[in-house]
Amino acid sequence: MTIGDVHEPLAPGTVSSPVAPIGVAGDGTVSPHEPPSGAAAPVSRLRSVDWKLVGAALSGLIGSLLITGSAPIHRFAVFHAYPKIPFVPRPPRTENTAWNDLASIMQLSLFLVGMVLMCLGWLGLVRRADRMAGSERRRLRTVLAVAVLWTLPVLVGPPLLSNDSYSYAAQGEMSAQGLDPTHEGPAVGLGRGDFLQQVDPFWRTAPAPYGPVWVLAGEGVVIAAGHSPVASVWLFRAVALLGVAIATVGLVSLARSHRVPVPIAVAVGIANPLVVLHLVGGEHNDALMMGFLVCGVAAAKKGRRWLAVLLLTFATAIKLPAFIALAILAWQFEGVRVPLRRRIVGLVKVGGVAAAMIGALCVVAGIGLGWVSALKSTGKVMDTMSVTTLLGYSITDLAHLVRLQVGFETPVNIVRMIGVLAGAALSFKLLIQSGKVGLARAIGLCMIIMVLFGPVVWPWYLPAGFALIAGSGLGKWRPSYLIGCLLASWLVWPNNIVAHPFLVDNQRNLMLGVCIATTLACWIAQRHAATHGRYLADEEALAAQG
């Protein structure tokens, strides 16, 4: 029958079927009949909209806008004419204490509201990634579209929650001038100028603790920017975005290899606040390291071992902690169940090739091995969310209570060393058991352990490990993972927020309390989910269900 034909009446005794929605046949197929009125079709489309997903997307977008629009601009930055959001005040770059008291309250309120909305949006996206209709490809596109939406405000705002990109620009200018930024700091190599002016005074004399791949990348950025300190900072955000894009490709492949639902893996490992606000917003080189790292592990999972060695060596030549991935890959290089002799052969092969590649890259970049020893300069940072550092200060405070005149350096250094040794011991155990744990999960856990037990902890150190665990399957640990990732994104606040004197005087003890509370929150979430059965079964079971 064609449109306009007269329908035959029902035979006597026939029961009519329920009326299908306009434009849809009773069997769920699209009906050729046009809706009788123009008002009915939009109603049908409105009913098909996933309003919970829309709410999650808008929540994250508003949160991103509030955080970015009210973010302070580094007071030494050359450029400060960033787009302004109506009704969202941006703090001025002045030292006016009277204004800063009021601005601090406003900034704190906007930041808190923005973070809450961002985190609620992310949890909503993860939940809808499990439940939204459509094929896996369509769900993946939806998750990526939401992640891009949240990232758009960040792309046009100032560097968020960190000033590292200004140091990257100065180090890139040093390399472009034929100087070794891993041997001496910008103050020695550059002298006065806009590149040096933008660097935080704390880091002006510190050599770069980054490998040859990042030195070459920084040099390329500065040259592409025409040696402009302003354009260089903008381009470093593009490099961070590129790193996240590469990591996304690797995570999709890794999730498919582990039979983990890809939309869930990407929603959890890429679209989280740590990546959006800290990696992209903060323009950290950890983003590019994560890209090579995740792609390298994905290549190893597909059996492309030497490609994996190449990519993981590049990651190590950006930041040294990626060496953990090379070590675990080398341990499994000759096979999962092989005698110790063959494992040693694998270690020698991978270690020799990686060392030769890094040496060649250092020659190309015109640097020595100073970037390895320069890591000790990061240990000068004491105001960090490192449990071991904070415990060292607490021990010093306890000693002072019993009238022992002890400086903070000795207790802090001792506890830091204990933490590094404990992290190394746990990582070695995971290396030995990596065949049972799995390559991706073992590397991800080791990287997180070494960060949490390390002397300096920043939120942008964690996304690479979190992404690998998301790609290999969270399983029953999903509640604690989500809470841990969510709370880690709160560990750094805008530096223009003026704290109450009581908070300043007790800052480190309160920070230790925050770390303990975060651990407790993860434990409570895990116990609550286990008791009430509210976490989903392993992602492999979800994949088997369709």
Protein backbone atom coordinates (compact mmCIF):
# COMPACT_ATOMS: atom_id res chain seq x y z
CA MET A 1 0.00 0.00 0.00
CA THR A 2 1.10 3.53 -0.71
CA ILE A 3 0.62 6.67 1.28
CA GLY A 4 -3.02 7.73 0.88
CA ASP A 5 -4.37 4.22 0.28
CA VAL A 6 -7.46 3.30 2.27
CA HIS A 7 -6.70 0.74 4.96
CA GLU A 8 -8.82 -2.37 4.99
CA PRO A 9 -10.99 -2.82 8.09
CA LEU A 10 -10.04 -5.44 10.63
CA ALA A 11 -11.66 -8.83 10.30
CA PRO A 12 -14.38 -9.56 12.86
CA GLY A 13 -12.92 -10.74 16.15
CA THR A 14 -9.46 -9.39 15.42
CA VAL A 15 -7.83 -7.51 18.27
CA SER A 16 -5.91 -4.46 17.21
CA SER A 17 -2.29 -4.24 18.32
CA PRO A 18 -1.08 -1.32 20.43
CA VAL A 19 -0.50 1.78 18.41
CA ALA A 20 3.20 2.27 17.65
CA PRO A 21 4.76 5.73 17.99
CA ILE A 22 4.17 7.95 15.00
CA GLY A 23 6.67 7.19 12.30
CA VAL A 24 7.58 3.77 13.80
CA ALA A 25 5.95 0.50 12.86
CA GLY A 26 4.76 -1.93 15.47
CA ASP A 27 7.75 -4.20 14.95
CA GLY A 28 10.15 -1.34 15.63
CA THR A 29 10.97 -0.59 12.00
CA VAL A 30 10.58 2.85 10.49
CA SER A 31 7.10 3.36 9.11
CA PRO A 32 6.70 4.93 5.67
CA HIS A 33 3.69 6.91 6.87
CA GLU A 34 4.22 10.57 7.58
CA PRO A 35 2.92 11.88 10.90
CA PRO A 36 -0.54 13.42 10.55
CA SER A 37 0.59 16.63 12.20
CA GLY A 38 3.86 18.50 12.56
CA ALA A 39 3.58 18.58 16.36
CA ALA A 40 3.71 14.83 16.95
CA ALA A 41 7.13 14.09 15.39
CA PRO A 42 9.18 16.27 17.78
CA VAL A 43 7.48 14.56 20.73
CA SER A 44 8.72 11.19 19.48
CA ARG A 45 12.24 12.54 19.03
CA LEU A 46 12.20 14.15 22.45
CA ARG A 47 11.31 10.81 24.01
CA SER A 48 14.31 9.19 22.33
CA VAL A 49 16.77 11.70 23.80
CA ASP A 50 18.92 10.38 26.64
CA TRP A 51 18.23 13.25 29.02
CA LYS A 52 20.47 11.83 31.75
CA LEU A 53 23.37 11.89 29.32
CA VAL A 54 22.47 15.43 28.25
CA GLY A 55 22.39 16.47 31.91
CA ALA A 56 25.80 14.90 32.54
CA ALA A 57 27.26 16.62 29.48
CA LEU A 58 25.87 20.02 30.49
CA SER A 59 27.02 19.57 34.08
CA GLY A 60 30.59 18.92 32.97
CA LEU A 61 30.48 21.77 30.45
CA ILE A 62 29.27 24.32 33.01
CA GLY A 63 31.88 23.09 35.46
CA SER A 64 34.63 23.44 32.85
CA LEU A 65 33.43 26.95 31.99
CA LEU A 66 33.41 28.06 35.63
CA ILE A 67 36.85 26.64 36.39
CA THR A 68 38.44 28.00 33.21
CA GLY A 69 36.66 31.35 33.16
CA SER A 70 37.63 32.21 36.73
CA ALA A 71 41.15 30.74 36.64
CA PRO A 72 43.93 33.09 37.75
CA ILE A 73 46.60 34.11 35.25
CA HIS A 74 50.23 33.64 36.22
CA ARG A 75 51.41 37.03 37.45
CA PHE A 76 54.65 36.77 35.44
CA ALA A 77 52.90 35.77 32.19
CA VAL A 78 53.50 38.06 29.22
CA PHE A 79 50.03 37.48 27.75
CA HIS A 80 46.85 37.75 29.79
CA ALA A 81 44.00 38.69 27.38
CA TYR A 82 42.13 35.40 27.60
CA PRO A 83 38.42 35.18 26.64
CA LYS A 84 36.10 36.26 29.43
CA ILE A 85 32.87 34.51 30.36
CA PRO A 86 29.99 36.88 31.23
CA PHE A 87 29.23 37.12 34.95
CA VAL A 88 32.33 35.04 35.80
CA PRO A 89 35.01 37.37 37.22
CA ARG A 90 38.65 36.59 36.55
CA PRO A 91 41.08 37.65 39.28
CA PRO A 92 43.31 40.59 38.31
CA ARG A 93 47.07 40.21 38.31
CA THR A 94 47.56 42.63 41.18
CA GLU A 95 48.86 42.21 44.69
CA ASN A 96 46.05 44.29 46.23
CA THR A 97 45.37 42.44 49.50
CA ALA A 98 42.00 44.07 50.11
CA TRP A 99 40.70 42.97 46.72
CA ASN A 100 42.31 39.55 47.01
CA ASP A 101 40.36 38.76 50.18
CA LEU A 102 37.08 39.25 48.34
CA ALA A 103 38.42 37.66 45.17
CA SER A 104 39.57 34.63 47.11
CA ILE A 105 36.04 33.99 48.37
CA MET A 106 34.61 34.37 44.89
CA GLN A 107 37.32 32.22 43.34
CA LEU A 108 36.88 29.52 45.96
CA SER A 109 33.11 29.45 45.40
CA LEU A 110 33.40 29.28 41.61
CA PHE A 111 36.12 26.64 41.76
CA LEU A 112 34.16 24.45 44.18
CA VAL A 113 30.95 24.70 42.17
CA GLY A 114 32.83 24.04 38.94
CA MET A 115 34.65 21.00 40.33
CA VAL A 116 31.47 19.53 41.77
CA LEU A 117 29.65 19.96 38.46
CA MET A 118 32.60 18.54 36.52
CA CYS A 119 32.86 15.48 38.74
CA LEU A 120 29.11 14.86 38.74
CA GLY A 121 29.11 15.16 34.97
CA TRP A 122 31.94 12.64 34.68
CA LEU A 123 30.24 10.11 36.97
CA GLY A 124 27.05 10.58 34.95
CA LEU A 125 28.94 9.98 31.69
CA VAL A 126 30.52 6.79 33.04
CA ARG A 127 27.11 5.57 34.16
CA ARG A 128 25.47 6.35 30.81
CA ALA A 129 28.35 4.72 28.91
CA ASP A 130 27.11 1.47 30.42
CA ARG A 131 23.49 2.05 29.52
CA MET A 132 23.12 4.28 26.46
CA ALA A 133 21.48 2.73 23.43
CA GLY A 134 23.19 2.04 20.12
CA SER A 135 26.18 0.17 18.79
CA GLU A 136 29.60 0.30 20.43
CA ARG A 137 30.84 2.68 17.75
CA ARG A 138 27.94 5.05 18.31
CA ARG A 139 28.41 4.98 22.08
CA LEU A 140 32.13 5.61 21.67
CA ARG A 141 31.44 8.61 19.44
CA THR A 142 29.03 9.97 22.03
CA VAL A 143 31.59 9.62 24.83
CA LEU A 144 34.26 11.31 22.71
CA ALA A 145 31.88 14.11 21.76
CA VAL A 146 31.14 14.81 25.43
CA ALA A 147 34.87 14.76 26.28
CA VAL A 148 35.57 17.24 23.47
CA LEU A 149 32.72 19.45 24.68
CA TRP A 150 34.22 19.61 28.16
CA THR A 151 37.66 20.35 26.72
CA LEU A 152 36.62 23.29 24.53
CA PRO A 153 36.58 25.93 27.34
CA VAL A 154 39.92 24.64 28.59
CA LEU A 155 41.54 25.12 25.18
CA VAL A 156 41.03 28.89 25.17
CA GLY A 157 41.77 29.58 28.84
CA PRO A 158 45.05 30.20 30.66
CA PRO A 159 47.20 27.30 31.89
CA LEU A 160 45.19 25.68 34.68
CA LEU A 161 46.42 24.80 38.15
CA SER A 162 50.10 24.81 37.12
CA ASN A 163 52.74 27.08 35.60
CA ASP A 164 54.89 24.30 34.10
CA SER A 165 54.15 25.32 30.50
CA TYR A 166 56.09 28.57 31.01
CA SER A 167 59.12 26.51 32.03
CA TYR A 168 58.64 24.28 28.98
CA ALA A 169 58.74 27.37 26.75
CA ALA A 170 61.96 28.66 28.32
CA GLN A 171 63.61 25.23 28.09
CA GLY A 172 62.52 24.97 24.44
CA GLU A 173 64.08 28.36 23.70
CA MET A 174 67.32 27.19 25.34
CA SER A 175 67.39 24.10 23.14
CA ALA A 176 66.64 26.20 20.06
CA GLN A 177 69.68 28.34 20.91
CA GLY A 178 71.89 25.25 21.10
CA LEU A 179 71.99 25.14 24.92
CA ASP A 180 71.39 22.06 27.08
CA PRO A 181 68.33 22.74 29.28
CA THR A 182 69.03 19.57 31.27
CA HIS A 183 72.42 20.92 32.37
CA GLU A 184 71.47 24.37 33.63
CA GLY A 185 68.34 26.36 34.35
CA PRO A 186 66.83 29.11 32.18
CA ALA A 187 68.27 31.85 34.40
CA VAL A 188 71.79 30.72 33.50
CA GLY A 189 71.14 29.94 29.86
CA LEU A 190 68.77 32.67 28.75
CA GLY A 191 69.52 35.68 30.86
CA ARG A 192 66.80 38.32 31.00
CA GLY A 193 63.86 38.30 28.62
CA ASP A 194 60.21 37.35 28.29
CA PHE A 195 60.92 33.62 28.23
CA LEU A 196 62.66 33.80 31.60
CA GLN A 197 60.20 36.31 33.04
CA GLN A 198 57.35 33.81 32.69
CA VAL A 199 59.14 31.03 34.58
CA ASP A 200 58.22 30.64 38.23
CA PRO A 201 61.17 31.96 40.31
CA PHE A 202 61.35 28.61 42.10
CA TRP A 203 62.35 26.86 38.84
CA ARG A 204 64.47 29.50 37.11
CA THR A 205 67.76 27.91 38.15
CA ALA A 206 66.60 24.27 37.94
CA PRO A 207 67.70 22.11 34.98
CA ALA A 208 64.99 20.24 33.09
CA PRO A 209 64.33 16.67 34.32
CA TYR A 210 62.97 15.66 30.90
CA GLY A 211 64.43 13.38 28.28
CA PRO A 212 65.52 14.00 24.69
CA VAL A 213 62.13 13.42 23.08
CA TRP A 214 60.61 16.21 25.13
CA VAL A 215 63.62 18.47 24.59
CA LEU A 216 63.21 18.01 20.83
CA ALA A 217 59.45 18.56 21.11
CA GLY A 218 59.98 21.75 23.12
CA GLU A 219 62.49 23.03 20.62
CA GLY A 220 60.08 22.29 17.77
CA VAL A 221 57.26 24.12 19.51
CA VAL A 222 59.33 27.25 20.09
CA ILE A 223 60.60 27.29 16.51
CA ALA A 224 57.06 26.73 15.17
CA ALA A 225 55.91 29.62 17.37
CA GLY A 226 58.49 31.94 15.85
CA HIS A 227 60.36 32.15 19.17
CA SER A 228 57.35 33.89 20.71
CA PRO A 229 56.87 33.09 24.42
CA VAL A 230 53.13 33.72 24.09
CA ALA A 231 52.58 31.50 21.05
CA SER A 232 54.81 28.81 22.56
CA VAL A 233 52.56 28.47 25.60
CA TRP A 234 49.52 28.10 23.32
CA LEU A 235 51.24 25.45 21.22
CA PHE A 236 52.20 23.39 24.27
CA ARG A 237 48.48 22.95 24.89
CA ALA A 238 48.17 21.59 21.35
CA VAL A 239 50.96 19.11 22.15
CA ALA A 240 49.11 18.02 25.30
CA LEU A 241 45.93 17.59 23.27
CA LEU A 242 47.85 15.53 20.72
CA GLY A 243 49.16 13.30 23.49
CA VAL A 244 45.65 12.69 24.81
CA ALA A 245 44.43 11.91 21.28
CA ILE A 246 47.23 9.36 20.81
CA ALA A 247 46.39 7.84 24.21
CA THR A 248 42.74 7.55 23.16
CA VAL A 249 43.69 5.56 20.06
CA GLY A 250 45.87 3.27 22.17
CA LEU A 251 43.21 2.87 24.84
CA VAL A 252 40.58 1.83 22.28
CA SER A 253 42.93 -0.87 20.96
CA LEU A 254 43.89 -1.97 24.47
CA ALA A 255 40.27 -2.22 25.60
CA ARG A 256 39.33 -4.32 22.58
CA SER A 257 42.27 -6.63 23.21
CA HIS A 258 41.04 -7.17 26.77
CA ARG A 259 37.39 -7.43 25.65
CA VAL A 260 36.50 -4.43 27.77
CA PRO A 261 33.61 -2.25 26.50
CA VAL A 262 35.42 0.55 24.67
CA PRO A 263 32.99 3.38 25.56
CA ILE A 264 33.39 2.59 29.25
CA ALA A 265 37.19 2.44 29.00
CA VAL A 266 37.37 5.80 27.21
CA ALA A 267 34.84 7.45 29.54
CA VAL A 268 36.81 6.30 32.57
CA GLY A 269 40.38 6.62 31.28
CA ILE A 270 40.23 9.69 29.01
CA ALA A 271 37.16 11.82 29.77
CA ASN A 272 37.95 12.17 33.48
CA PRO A 273 38.73 15.52 35.21
CA LEU A 274 42.39 14.58 35.64
CA VAL A 275 42.88 14.49 31.88
CA VAL A 276 40.61 17.41 30.95
CA LEU A 277 41.68 19.87 33.65
CA HIS A 278 45.23 18.83 34.50
CA LEU A 279 46.75 17.25 31.39
CA VAL A 280 45.10 19.43 28.75
CA GLY A 281 44.31 22.45 30.92
CA GLY A 282 47.70 22.36 32.63
CA GLU A 283 49.54 21.60 29.35
CA HIS A 284 51.71 18.94 30.99
CA ASN A 285 54.18 16.80 29.08
CA ASP A 286 52.72 13.82 30.96
CA ALA A 287 50.01 13.86 28.27
CA LEU A 288 52.49 13.05 25.48
CA MET A 289 54.18 10.47 27.69
CA MET A 290 50.78 8.86 28.30
CA GLY A 291 50.10 8.73 24.57
CA PHE A 292 53.28 6.79 23.77
CA LEU A 293 52.87 4.65 26.89
CA VAL A 294 49.31 3.50 26.24
CA CYS A 295 49.98 2.89 22.53
CA GLY A 296 53.12 0.94 23.41
CA VAL A 297 51.28 -1.34 25.80
CA ALA A 298 48.49 -1.80 23.23
CA ALA A 299 51.09 -2.80 20.61
CA ALA A 300 52.61 -5.33 23.02
CA LYS A 301 49.16 -6.80 23.69
CA LYS A 302 48.77 -7.35 19.94
CA GLY A 303 52.11 -9.14 19.76
CA ARG A 304 54.05 -6.30 18.08
CA ARG A 305 56.86 -6.45 20.60
CA TRP A 306 59.51 -4.29 18.92
CA LEU A 307 57.00 -1.58 18.09
CA ALA A 308 56.09 -1.65 21.77
CA VAL A 309 59.76 -1.26 22.71
CA LEU A 310 60.05 1.73 20.36
CA LEU A 311 56.98 3.50 21.75
CA LEU A 312 57.79 2.80 25.39
CA THR A 313 61.35 4.06 24.83
CA PHE A 314 59.90 7.30 23.46
CA ALA A 315 57.72 7.55 26.59
CA THR A 316 60.78 7.00 28.80
CA ALA A 317 62.68 9.62 26.82
CA ILE A 318 60.00 12.13 27.81
CA LYS A 319 59.79 11.34 31.53
CA LEU A 320 61.86 8.68 33.27
CA PRO A 321 59.02 7.00 35.27
CA ALA A 322 57.83 5.37 32.02
CA PHE A 323 60.89 3.13 32.42
CA ILE A 324 58.65 0.94 34.59
CA ALA A 325 56.74 -0.11 31.48
CA LEU A 326 59.95 -1.03 29.66
CA ALA A 327 61.10 -3.16 32.60
CA ILE A 328 57.85 -5.15 32.79
CA LEU A 329 57.73 -5.58 29.01
CA ALA A 330 61.33 -6.82 29.05
CA TRP A 331 60.44 -9.31 31.80
CA GLN A 332 57.73 -10.78 29.56
CA PHE A 333 59.51 -10.24 26.25
CA GLU A 334 60.41 -13.91 25.65
CA GLY A 335 57.07 -15.17 26.92
CA VAL A 336 54.84 -15.27 29.97
CA ARG A 337 55.87 -18.73 31.18
CA VAL A 338 59.58 -19.05 30.49
CA PRO A 339 62.56 -19.90 32.71
CA LEU A 340 64.66 -17.20 34.34
CA ARG A 341 67.44 -17.59 31.77
CA ARG A 342 65.15 -16.52 28.94
CA ARG A 343 63.79 -13.66 31.00
CA ILE A 344 67.33 -12.37 31.44
CA VAL A 345 67.80 -12.60 27.68
CA GLY A 346 64.67 -10.48 27.23
CA LEU A 347 65.90 -7.94 29.75
CA VAL A 348 69.25 -7.67 27.95
CA LYS A 349 67.61 -7.31 24.53
CA VAL A 350 65.10 -4.66 25.53
CA GLY A 351 67.51 -2.84 27.82
CA GLY A 352 70.23 -2.72 25.17
CA VAL A 353 67.94 -1.48 22.41
CA ALA A 354 66.26 1.10 24.66
CA ALA A 355 69.60 2.39 25.97
CA ALA A 356 70.99 2.70 22.43
CA MET A 357 67.88 4.55 21.26
CA ILE A 358 67.92 6.97 24.19
CA GLY A 359 71.64 7.58 23.67
CA ALA A 360 71.06 8.36 20.00
CA LEU A 361 68.15 10.65 20.84
CA CYS A 362 70.32 12.51 23.36
CA VAL A 363 72.93 13.08 20.66
CA VAL A 364 70.28 14.36 18.24
CA ALA A 365 68.82 16.65 20.91
CA GLY A 366 72.27 17.89 21.91
CA ILE A 367 71.95 16.94 25.58
CA GLY A 368 73.71 14.63 27.98
CA LEU A 369 72.30 12.47 30.76
CA GLY A 370 71.80 15.43 33.07
CA TRP A 371 68.03 14.98 32.80
CA VAL A 372 68.33 11.79 34.88
CA SER A 373 70.20 13.46 37.74
CA ALA A 374 67.99 16.57 37.39
CA LEU A 375 65.11 14.56 38.85
CA LYS A 376 66.54 15.35 42.27
CA SER A 377 65.54 18.99 41.74
CA THR A 378 61.88 17.96 41.91
CA GLY A 379 62.57 16.72 45.43
CA LYS A 380 62.97 20.35 46.53
CA VAL A 381 59.18 20.64 46.42
CA MET A 382 57.77 20.22 49.93
CA ASP A 383 54.23 21.54 49.51
CA THR A 384 52.94 18.42 47.77
CA MET A 385 50.30 15.78 48.44
CA SER A 386 52.94 13.11 49.03
CA VAL A 387 52.06 10.95 52.03
CA THR A 388 55.71 10.24 52.80
CA THR A 389 56.67 13.93 52.73
CA LEU A 390 53.71 14.88 54.90
CA LEU A 391 54.45 12.06 57.36
CA GLY A 392 58.01 13.37 57.69
CA TYR A 393 56.67 16.79 58.64
CA SER A 394 54.21 15.26 61.12
CA ILE A 395 57.05 13.35 62.78
CA THR A 396 58.96 16.63 63.07
CA ASP A 397 55.96 18.29 64.68
CA LEU A 398 55.62 15.43 67.17
CA ALA A 399 59.31 15.73 68.03
CA HIS A 400 58.83 19.44 68.69
CA LEU A 401 55.91 18.66 71.01
CA VAL A 402 58.24 16.64 73.25
CA ARG A 403 60.85 19.41 72.97
CA LEU A 404 63.24 17.62 70.66
CA GLN A 405 65.03 20.12 68.46
CA VAL A 406 64.91 18.29 65.15
CA GLY A 407 64.96 19.92 61.73
CA PHE A 408 62.41 18.75 59.17
CA GLU A 409 65.01 17.66 56.58
CA THR A 410 66.13 14.46 58.31
CA PRO A 411 62.69 12.99 59.14
CA VAL A 412 61.32 13.95 55.70
CA ASN A 413 64.25 12.41 53.84
CA ILE A 414 64.12 9.22 55.90
CA VAL A 415 60.38 8.71 55.40
CA ARG A 416 60.70 9.58 51.72
CA MET A 417 63.40 6.93 51.30
CA ILE A 418 61.26 4.37 53.10
CA GLY A 419 58.38 5.22 50.77
CA VAL A 420 60.51 4.83 47.65
CA LEU A 421 61.83 1.47 48.87
CA ALA A 422 58.32 0.27 49.73
CA GLY A 423 57.04 1.34 46.33
CA ALA A 424 59.96 -0.40 44.63
CA ALA A 425 59.31 -3.60 46.60
CA LEU A 426 55.62 -3.62 45.64
CA SER A 427 56.49 -2.87 42.02
CA PHE A 428 59.04 -5.71 41.95
CA LYS A 429 56.40 -8.08 43.28
CA LEU A 430 54.04 -6.96 40.52
CA LEU A 431 56.79 -7.45 37.95
CA ILE A 432 57.28 -11.05 39.11
CA GLN A 433 53.52 -11.67 38.99
CA SER A 434 52.90 -9.65 35.82
CA GLY A 435 52.15 -12.80 33.84
CA LYS A 436 49.17 -13.49 36.08
CA VAL A 437 48.18 -9.85 36.61
CA GLY A 438 48.51 -8.91 32.94
CA LEU A 439 50.97 -6.55 31.26
CA ALA A 440 48.74 -3.47 31.09
CA ARG A 441 47.34 -3.82 34.59
CA ALA A 442 50.76 -4.53 36.12
CA ILE A 443 52.29 -1.45 34.45
CA GLY A 444 49.33 0.73 35.45
CA LEU A 445 49.45 -0.41 39.08
CA CYS A 446 53.22 0.02 39.29
CA MET A 447 53.06 3.56 37.95
CA ILE A 448 50.35 4.53 40.43
CA ILE A 449 52.19 2.86 43.33
CA MET A 450 55.46 4.63 42.54
CA VAL A 451 53.64 7.97 42.38
CA LEU A 452 51.71 7.48 45.64
CA PHE A 453 54.79 6.24 47.51
CA GLY A 454 57.06 8.84 45.92
CA PRO A 455 58.41 12.05 47.45
CA VAL A 456 56.35 14.36 45.19
CA VAL A 457 52.75 13.76 44.14
CA TRP A 458 50.80 15.87 41.66
CA PRO A 459 47.46 14.93 40.04
CA TRP A 460 48.91 14.94 36.51
CA TYR A 461 51.27 12.09 37.45
CA LEU A 462 48.32 9.66 37.73
CA PRO A 463 46.30 9.63 34.46
CA ALA A 464 48.69 7.31 32.57
CA GLY A 465 48.39 4.56 35.17
CA PHE A 466 44.64 5.09 35.48
CA ALA A 467 44.21 4.82 31.69
CA LEU A 468 46.06 1.49 31.54
CA ILE A 469 43.93 0.04 34.31
CA ALA A 470 40.76 1.30 32.62
CA GLY A 471 41.82 -0.35 29.37
CA SER A 472 42.58 -3.68 31.02
CA GLY A 473 39.31 -3.80 32.97
CA LEU A 474 38.42 -2.40 36.36
CA GLY A 475 36.44 -5.41 37.50
CA LYS A 476 35.21 -5.32 41.08
CA TRP A 477 37.59 -2.45 41.92
CA ARG A 478 35.63 0.00 39.84
CA PRO A 479 34.07 1.92 42.82
CA SER A 480 37.40 2.64 44.52
CA TYR A 481 38.97 3.51 41.17
CA LEU A 482 36.29 6.07 40.32
CA ILE A 483 36.39 7.67 43.76
CA GLY A 484 40.20 7.75 43.77
CA CYS A 485 40.38 9.31 40.31
CA LEU A 486 37.69 11.82 41.20
CA LEU A 487 39.28 12.91 44.49
CA ALA A 488 42.78 13.08 42.97
CA SER A 489 41.56 15.81 40.64
CA TRP A 490 40.95 18.02 43.71
CA LEU A 491 44.50 17.85 45.02
CA VAL A 492 45.60 21.18 43.48
CA TRP A 493 43.62 24.41 43.80
CA PRO A 494 44.07 27.82 42.15
CA ASN A 495 47.04 29.60 43.69
CA ASN A 496 45.18 32.90 44.21
CA ILE A 497 42.85 31.47 46.86
CA VAL A 498 43.88 33.01 50.18
CA ALA A 499 43.61 30.46 52.97
CA HIS A 500 42.56 31.22 56.54
CA PRO A 501 45.58 31.72 58.84
CA PHE A 502 44.65 28.57 60.79
CA LEU A 503 44.75 26.56 57.57
CA VAL A 504 48.11 28.04 56.64
CA ASP A 505 49.62 27.27 60.06
CA ASN A 506 48.39 23.67 59.95
CA GLN A 507 48.65 23.17 56.21
CA ARG A 508 50.75 20.02 56.09
CA ASN A 509 48.88 18.19 58.85
CA LEU A 510 45.61 19.03 57.12
CA MET A 511 47.02 17.81 53.80
CA LEU A 512 47.96 14.53 55.43
CA GLY A 513 44.42 14.32 56.75
CA VAL A 514 43.11 14.83 53.22
CA CYS A 515 45.28 11.95 51.96
CA ILE A 516 44.01 9.68 54.74
CA ALA A 517 40.42 10.76 54.09
CA THR A 518 40.84 10.03 50.37
CA THR A 519 42.10 6.53 51.11
CA LEU A 520 39.23 6.00 53.54
CA ALA A 521 36.69 7.21 50.97
CA CYS A 522 37.99 4.68 48.43
CA TRP A 523 37.75 1.90 51.00
CA ILE A 524 34.21 2.90 52.02
CA ALA A 525 33.09 3.06 48.38
CA GLN A 526 34.50 -0.40 47.74
CA ARG A 527 32.94 -1.90 50.86
CA HIS A 528 29.58 -0.24 50.20
CA ALA A 529 29.51 -1.49 46.63
CA ALA A 530 30.53 -5.00 47.66
CA THR A 531 27.93 -5.16 50.43
CA HIS A 532 25.03 -3.93 48.32
CA GLY A 533 26.15 -5.37 45.00
CA ARG A 534 26.08 -1.99 43.30
CA TYR A 535 29.17 -2.32 41.18
CA LEU A 536 28.92 -4.03 37.83
CA ALA A 537 30.57 -7.36 37.23
CA ASP A 538 33.79 -7.54 35.30
CA GLU A 539 33.78 -5.64 32.02
CA GLU A 540 34.30 -8.92 30.18
CA ALA A 541 30.91 -10.07 31.46
CA LEU A 542 29.36 -6.86 30.19
CA ALA A 543 30.88 -7.46 26.79
CA ALA A 544 29.52 -11.00 26.76
CA GLN A 545 26.02 -9.67 27.42
CA GLY A 546 26.12 -7.72 24.24
